Amino acid sequence: MVSIIRSSQSLGAALRSARRAAGLTQKELGARTNLRQATISSLENGEAGTLETLFTILTYLKLELRLSERSRSAPALDEIF
């Protein structure tokens, strides 16, 4: 799975998709990572979380974070705001 993540909402959607592909509920993922179901839900909804929590979930779902320059087709932040 390759996803371009440009917002907390798109990150949350990608996490939700990966969790579902693994056949896990939020509660099951929480139990396996020692996180509360509410924490999983918050991240999937694009709400604030810690980097430690994010990496715990990424590790369990066998995902990694890669950074690259934004493609030229996407508007720059100063063009959006």
N, C-alpha and C. Protein backbone atom coordinates (compact mmCIF):
# COMPACT_ATOMS: atom_id res chain seq x y z
N MET A 1 0.85 -1.18 0.00
CA MET A 1 0.00 0.00 0.00
C MET A 1 0.89 1.23 0.00
N VAL A 2 0.68 2.11 -0.95
CA VAL A 2 1.38 3.39 -1.00
C VAL A 2 0.32 4.48 -0.97
N SER A 3 0.44 5.37 0.00
CA SER A 3 -0.51 6.48 0.13
C SER A 3 0.25 7.78 0.22
N ILE A 4 -0.26 8.80 -0.43
CA ILE A 4 0.31 10.12 -0.28
C ILE A 4 -0.47 10.80 0.84
N ILE A 5 0.25 11.17 1.89
CA ILE A 5 -0.36 11.75 3.08
C ILE A 5 0.00 13.22 3.13
N ARG A 6 -1.02 14.07 3.09
CA ARG A 6 -0.77 15.51 3.14
C ARG A 6 -1.56 16.20 4.25
N SER A 7 -2.25 15.42 5.07
CA SER A 7 -3.00 15.99 6.17
C SER A 7 -3.22 14.93 7.24
N SER A 8 -3.59 15.39 8.41
CA SER A 8 -3.87 14.43 9.49
C SER A 8 -5.08 13.57 9.12
N GLN A 9 -6.02 14.11 8.36
CA GLN A 9 -7.18 13.33 7.96
C GLN A 9 -6.80 12.21 6.98
N SER A 10 -5.91 12.52 6.04
CA SER A 10 -5.50 11.47 5.11
C SER A 10 -4.63 10.42 5.80
N LEU A 11 -3.85 10.84 6.80
CA LEU A 11 -3.09 9.86 7.59
C LEU A 11 -4.05 8.94 8.33
N GLY A 12 -5.06 9.52 8.95
CA GLY A 12 -6.05 8.73 9.67
C GLY A 12 -6.76 7.74 8.76
N ALA A 13 -7.13 8.18 7.58
CA ALA A 13 -7.80 7.29 6.63
C ALA A 13 -6.89 6.14 6.21
N ALA A 14 -5.60 6.43 6.01
CA ALA A 14 -4.65 5.38 5.64
C ALA A 14 -4.47 4.38 6.77
N LEU A 15 -4.42 4.87 8.01
CA LEU A 15 -4.31 3.96 9.16
C LEU A 15 -5.55 3.08 9.27
N ARG A 16 -6.73 3.69 9.09
CA ARG A 16 -7.98 2.93 9.15
C ARG A 16 -8.00 1.84 8.08
N SER A 17 -7.59 2.19 6.88
CA SER A 17 -7.56 1.24 5.78
C SER A 17 -6.61 0.07 6.08
N ALA A 18 -5.44 0.39 6.60
CA ALA A 18 -4.46 -0.66 6.93
C ALA A 18 -4.97 -1.55 8.06
N ARG A 19 -5.60 -0.95 9.06
CA ARG A 19 -6.16 -1.74 10.17
C ARG A 19 -7.23 -2.68 9.67
N ARG A 20 -8.12 -2.17 8.85
CA ARG A 20 -9.19 -3.02 8.31
C ARG A 20 -8.63 -4.12 7.41
N ALA A 21 -7.60 -3.80 6.62
CA ALA A 21 -6.97 -4.81 5.75
C ALA A 21 -6.34 -5.91 6.59
N ALA A 22 -5.90 -5.56 7.80
CA ALA A 22 -5.33 -6.56 8.71
C ALA A 22 -6.42 -7.34 9.43
N GLY A 23 -7.68 -6.97 9.20
CA GLY A 23 -8.79 -7.68 9.82
C GLY A 23 -8.96 -7.39 11.30
N LEU A 24 -8.60 -6.18 11.70
CA LEU A 24 -8.67 -5.81 13.11
C LEU A 24 -9.70 -4.72 13.36
N THR A 25 -10.35 -4.79 14.50
CA THR A 25 -11.19 -3.69 14.95
C THR A 25 -10.29 -2.70 15.69
N GLN A 26 -10.81 -1.53 15.95
CA GLN A 26 -10.05 -0.56 16.74
C GLN A 26 -9.72 -1.13 18.12
N LYS A 27 -10.67 -1.81 18.71
CA LYS A 27 -10.48 -2.40 20.04
C LYS A 27 -9.38 -3.46 20.00
N GLU A 28 -9.38 -4.30 18.99
CA GLU A 28 -8.35 -5.34 18.87
C GLU A 28 -6.96 -4.74 18.68
N LEU A 29 -6.86 -3.72 17.80
CA LEU A 29 -5.58 -3.07 17.59
C LEU A 29 -5.11 -2.40 18.88
N GLY A 30 -6.03 -1.77 19.57
CA GLY A 30 -5.68 -1.14 20.85
C GLY A 30 -5.15 -2.16 21.85
N ALA A 31 -5.81 -3.29 21.95
CA ALA A 31 -5.37 -4.33 22.89
C ALA A 31 -3.99 -4.86 22.53
N ARG A 32 -3.72 -5.00 21.26
CA ARG A 32 -2.43 -5.56 20.81
C ARG A 32 -1.28 -4.56 20.90
N THR A 33 -1.61 -3.27 20.98
CA THR A 33 -0.57 -2.24 21.06
C THR A 33 -0.56 -1.54 22.41
N ASN A 34 -1.39 -2.01 23.34
CA ASN A 34 -1.53 -1.39 24.67
C ASN A 34 -1.98 0.06 24.58
N LEU A 35 -2.85 0.34 23.62
CA LEU A 35 -3.44 1.66 23.46
C LEU A 35 -4.95 1.54 23.65
N ARG A 36 -5.57 2.63 24.06
CA ARG A 36 -7.02 2.62 24.21
C ARG A 36 -7.69 2.67 22.84
N GLN A 37 -8.87 2.10 22.75
CA GLN A 37 -9.64 2.16 21.50
C GLN A 37 -9.90 3.60 21.13
N ALA A 38 -10.14 4.45 22.12
CA ALA A 38 -10.39 5.87 21.85
C ALA A 38 -9.18 6.54 21.21
N THR A 39 -7.99 6.11 21.57
CA THR A 39 -6.76 6.65 20.98
C THR A 39 -6.68 6.27 19.51
N ILE A 40 -6.98 5.01 19.20
CA ILE A 40 -6.99 4.54 17.82
C ILE A 40 -8.02 5.35 17.02
N SER A 41 -9.19 5.51 17.58
CA SER A 41 -10.25 6.27 16.93
C SER A 41 -9.83 7.71 16.66
N SER A 42 -9.22 8.34 17.63
CA SER A 42 -8.77 9.74 17.46
C SER A 42 -7.78 9.87 16.31
N LEU A 43 -6.80 8.98 16.26
CA LEU A 43 -5.82 9.04 15.17
C LEU A 43 -6.49 8.81 13.82
N GLU A 44 -7.40 7.86 13.76
CA GLU A 44 -8.08 7.57 12.50
C GLU A 44 -8.98 8.72 12.06
N ASN A 45 -9.40 9.55 13.00
CA ASN A 45 -10.23 10.71 12.67
C ASN A 45 -9.41 11.96 12.42
N GLY A 46 -8.08 11.81 12.39
CA GLY A 46 -7.22 12.94 12.09
C GLY A 46 -7.00 13.88 13.25
N GLU A 47 -7.30 13.40 14.45
CA GLU A 47 -7.10 14.22 15.63
C GLU A 47 -5.69 14.02 16.18
N ALA A 48 -5.30 14.89 17.07
CA ALA A 48 -3.93 14.88 17.59
C ALA A 48 -3.58 13.57 18.29
N GLY A 49 -2.33 13.21 18.15
CA GLY A 49 -1.75 12.07 18.82
C GLY A 49 -0.26 12.29 18.91
N THR A 50 0.41 11.46 19.67
CA THR A 50 1.85 11.62 19.78
C THR A 50 2.56 10.83 18.68
N LEU A 51 3.77 11.23 18.39
CA LEU A 51 4.57 10.48 17.41
C LEU A 51 4.83 9.06 17.92
N GLU A 52 5.04 8.92 19.21
CA GLU A 52 5.26 7.60 19.79
C GLU A 52 4.06 6.69 19.52
N THR A 53 2.86 7.21 19.72
CA THR A 53 1.65 6.44 19.46
C THR A 53 1.55 6.08 17.98
N LEU A 54 1.81 7.05 17.12
CA LEU A 54 1.76 6.81 15.68
C LEU A 54 2.73 5.69 15.29
N PHE A 55 3.96 5.77 15.78
CA PHE A 55 4.94 4.75 15.41
C PHE A 55 4.62 3.38 16.02
N THR A 56 3.97 3.36 17.16
CA THR A 56 3.52 2.08 17.73
C THR A 56 2.54 1.41 16.79
N ILE A 57 1.59 2.18 16.29
CA ILE A 57 0.58 1.64 15.37
C ILE A 57 1.21 1.26 14.04
N LEU A 58 2.06 2.13 13.51
CA LEU A 58 2.73 1.82 12.24
C LEU A 58 3.53 0.53 12.35
N THR A 59 4.24 0.36 13.44
CA THR A 59 5.04 -0.85 13.63
C THR A 59 4.16 -2.08 13.68
N TYR A 60 3.08 -2.02 14.44
CA TYR A 60 2.21 -3.19 14.54
C TYR A 60 1.60 -3.54 13.18
N LEU A 61 1.22 -2.54 12.41
CA LEU A 61 0.59 -2.78 11.10
C LEU A 61 1.62 -3.01 9.99
N LYS A 62 2.90 -3.07 10.37
CA LYS A 62 4.00 -3.32 9.44
C LYS A 62 4.06 -2.26 8.34
N LEU A 63 3.92 -1.00 8.78
CA LEU A 63 4.00 0.16 7.89
C LEU A 63 5.21 0.99 8.28
N GLU A 64 5.66 1.82 7.36
CA GLU A 64 6.75 2.74 7.66
C GLU A 64 6.42 4.11 7.12
N LEU A 65 7.05 5.09 7.67
CA LEU A 65 6.86 6.48 7.27
C LEU A 65 8.03 6.90 6.40
N ARG A 66 7.74 7.45 5.24
CA ARG A 66 8.78 7.95 4.34
C ARG A 66 8.46 9.40 4.01
N LEU A 67 9.47 10.20 3.97
CA LEU A 67 9.29 11.61 3.62
C LEU A 67 9.91 11.87 2.26
N SER A 68 9.23 12.68 1.47
CA SER A 68 9.77 13.07 0.17
C SER A 68 9.28 14.48 -0.13
N GLU A 69 9.92 15.09 -1.10
CA GLU A 69 9.48 16.42 -1.51
C GLU A 69 8.08 16.34 -2.10
N ARG A 70 7.32 17.35 -1.85
CA ARG A 70 5.95 17.42 -2.38
C ARG A 70 6.01 17.50 -3.89
N SER A 71 5.12 16.78 -4.55
CA SER A 71 5.09 16.82 -6.01
C SER A 71 4.69 18.21 -6.49
N ARG A 72 5.13 18.56 -7.67
CA ARG A 72 4.87 19.89 -8.20
C ARG A 72 3.39 20.12 -8.51
N SER A 73 2.64 19.06 -8.72
CA SER A 73 1.22 19.21 -9.06
C SER A 73 0.39 19.67 -7.86
N ALA A 74 0.94 19.49 -6.66
CA ALA A 74 0.20 19.90 -5.45
C ALA A 74 0.51 21.36 -5.15
N PRO A 75 -0.50 22.12 -4.73
CA PRO A 75 -0.25 23.52 -4.39
C PRO A 75 0.63 23.64 -3.15
N ALA A 76 1.44 24.67 -3.12
CA ALA A 76 2.27 24.94 -1.94
C ALA A 76 1.38 25.45 -0.83
N LEU A 77 1.83 25.31 0.40
CA LEU A 77 1.02 25.75 1.54
C LEU A 77 0.68 27.23 1.47
N ASP A 78 1.62 28.05 0.98
CA ASP A 78 1.32 29.49 0.91
C ASP A 78 0.28 29.80 -0.16
N GLU A 79 0.04 28.87 -1.09
CA GLU A 79 -1.02 29.05 -2.09
C GLU A 79 -2.37 28.67 -1.52
N ILE A 80 -2.37 27.82 -0.49
CA ILE A 80 -3.63 27.36 0.11
C ILE A 80 -4.14 28.37 1.12
N PHE A 81 -3.23 28.92 1.91
CA PHE A 81 -3.63 29.81 3.02
C PHE A 81 -3.39 31.24 2.68
